[in-house]
C-alpha atoms as a PDB file:
ATOM      1  CA  MET A   1      48.030 -38.323  65.498  1.00  0.00           C
ATOM      2  CA  GLY A   2      52.136 -37.396  65.453  1.00  0.00           C
ATOM      3  CA  GLY A   3      51.111 -33.882  67.181  1.00  0.00           C
ATOM      4  CA  LEU A   4      52.191 -32.707  70.103  1.00  0.00           C
ATOM      5  CA  GLY A   5      49.721 -31.098  72.983  1.00  0.00           C
ATOM      6  CA  SER A   6      50.494 -28.514  75.166  1.00  0.00           C
ATOM      7  CA  GLY A   7      50.620 -31.651  78.032  1.00  0.00           C
ATOM      8  CA  GLU A   8      53.162 -33.042  76.225  1.00  0.00           C
ATOM      9  CA  ILE A   9      55.356 -29.933  75.668  1.00  0.00           C
ATOM     10  CA  ILE A  10      55.339 -29.094  79.192  1.00  0.00           C
ATOM     11  CA  VAL A  11      56.695 -32.288  80.350  1.00  0.00           C
ATOM     12  CA  ILE A  12      59.336 -31.906  77.420  1.00  0.00           C
ATOM     13  CA  MET A  13      60.381 -28.450  78.748  1.00  0.00           C
ATOM     14  CA  LEU A  14      60.696 -30.001  82.808  1.00  0.00           C
ATOM     15  CA  VAL A  15      62.727 -33.045  81.273  1.00  0.00           C
ATOM     16  CA  LEU A  16      64.846 -30.370  79.366  1.00  0.00           C
ATOM     17  CA  LEU A  17      65.241 -28.249  82.521  1.00  0.00           C
ATOM     18  CA  VAL A  18      66.060 -30.726  84.603  1.00  0.00           C
ATOM     19  CA  LEU A  19      68.863 -32.208  82.452  1.00  0.00           C
ATOM     20  CA  PHE A  20      70.553 -29.034  81.177  1.00  0.00           C
ATOM     21  CA  GLY A  21      69.624 -26.621  84.194  1.00  0.00           C
ATOM     22  CA  GLY A  22      68.300 -23.373  83.847  1.00  0.00           C
ATOM     23  CA  SER A  23      71.348 -21.318  82.896  1.00  0.00           C
ATOM     24  CA  GLN A  24      72.120 -23.712  79.933  1.00  0.00           C
ATOM     25  CA  LEU A  25      68.650 -23.959  78.407  1.00  0.00           C
ATOM     26  CA  PRO A  26      69.034 -20.222  76.618  1.00  0.00           C
ATOM     27  CA  LYS A  27      72.414 -21.401  74.791  1.00  0.00           C
ATOM     28  CA  LEU A  28      70.326 -24.819  74.154  1.00  0.00           C
ATOM     29  CA  ALA A  29      67.830 -22.861  72.351  1.00  0.00           C
ATOM     30  CA  ARG A  30      70.336 -20.723  70.678  1.00  0.00           C
ATOM     31  CA  SER A  31      71.940 -23.700  69.275  1.00  0.00           C
ATOM     32  CA  LEU A  32      68.865 -25.175  68.168  1.00  0.00           C
ATOM     33  CA  GLY A  33      67.947 -22.168  66.455  1.00  0.00           C
ATOM     34  CA  GLN A  34      70.963 -22.141  64.186  1.00  0.00           C
ATOM     35  CA  ALA A  35      70.845 -25.314  63.658  1.00  0.00           C
ATOM     36  CA  GLN A  36      67.429 -25.118  62.093  1.00  0.00           C
ATOM     37  CA  LYS A  37      68.300 -21.897  60.254  1.00  0.00           C
ATOM     38  CA  GLU A  38      71.288 -24.208  58.445  1.00  0.00           C
ATOM     39  CA  LEU A  39      69.016 -27.039  57.702  1.00  0.00           C
ATOM     40  CA  LYS A  40      66.826 -24.794  55.872  1.00  0.00           C
ATOM     41  CA  LYS A  41      69.364 -22.918  54.176  1.00  0.00           C
ATOM     42  CA  GLY A  42      70.787 -26.511  53.248  1.00  0.00           C
ATOM     43  CA  MET A  43      67.649 -27.807  51.894  1.00  0.00           C
ATOM     44  CA  ASP A  44      66.995 -24.670  50.142  1.00  0.00           C
ATOM     45  CA  GLU A  45      70.543 -25.084  48.472  1.00  0.00           C
ATOM     46  CA  GLY A  46      69.757 -28.665  47.388  1.00  0.00           C
ATOM     47  CA  LEU A  47      66.374 -27.733  45.902  1.00  0.00           C
ATOM     48  CA  ASP A  48      68.148 -25.183  43.844  1.00  0.00           C
ATOM     49  CA  GLU A  49      70.719 -27.488  42.398  1.00  0.00           C
ATOM     50  CA  ASP A  50      68.204 -29.969  41.560  1.00  0.00           C
ATOM     51  CA  GLU A  51      66.208 -27.211  39.596  1.00  0.00           C
ATOM     52  CA  ASP A  52      69.619 -26.706  37.617  1.00  0.00           C
ATOM     53  CA  GLU A  53      70.017 -30.076  36.933  1.00  0.00           C
ATOM     54  CA  THR A  54      66.044 -30.692  35.650  1.00  0.00           C
ATOM     55  CA  VAL A  55      66.410 -27.492  32.889  1.00  0.00           C
END
């Protein structure tokens, strides 16, 4: 439950292609990658702050 299969991923990719067009998809993917990296960095910093408070 909750997992995406290959069929669902293909449908999502087709919808993105129609909505954003082929030329915009690389920019969108790059933006999503940067956002994911920033989110991970922020979560790591939050964990570091929590560890400092408990010591």
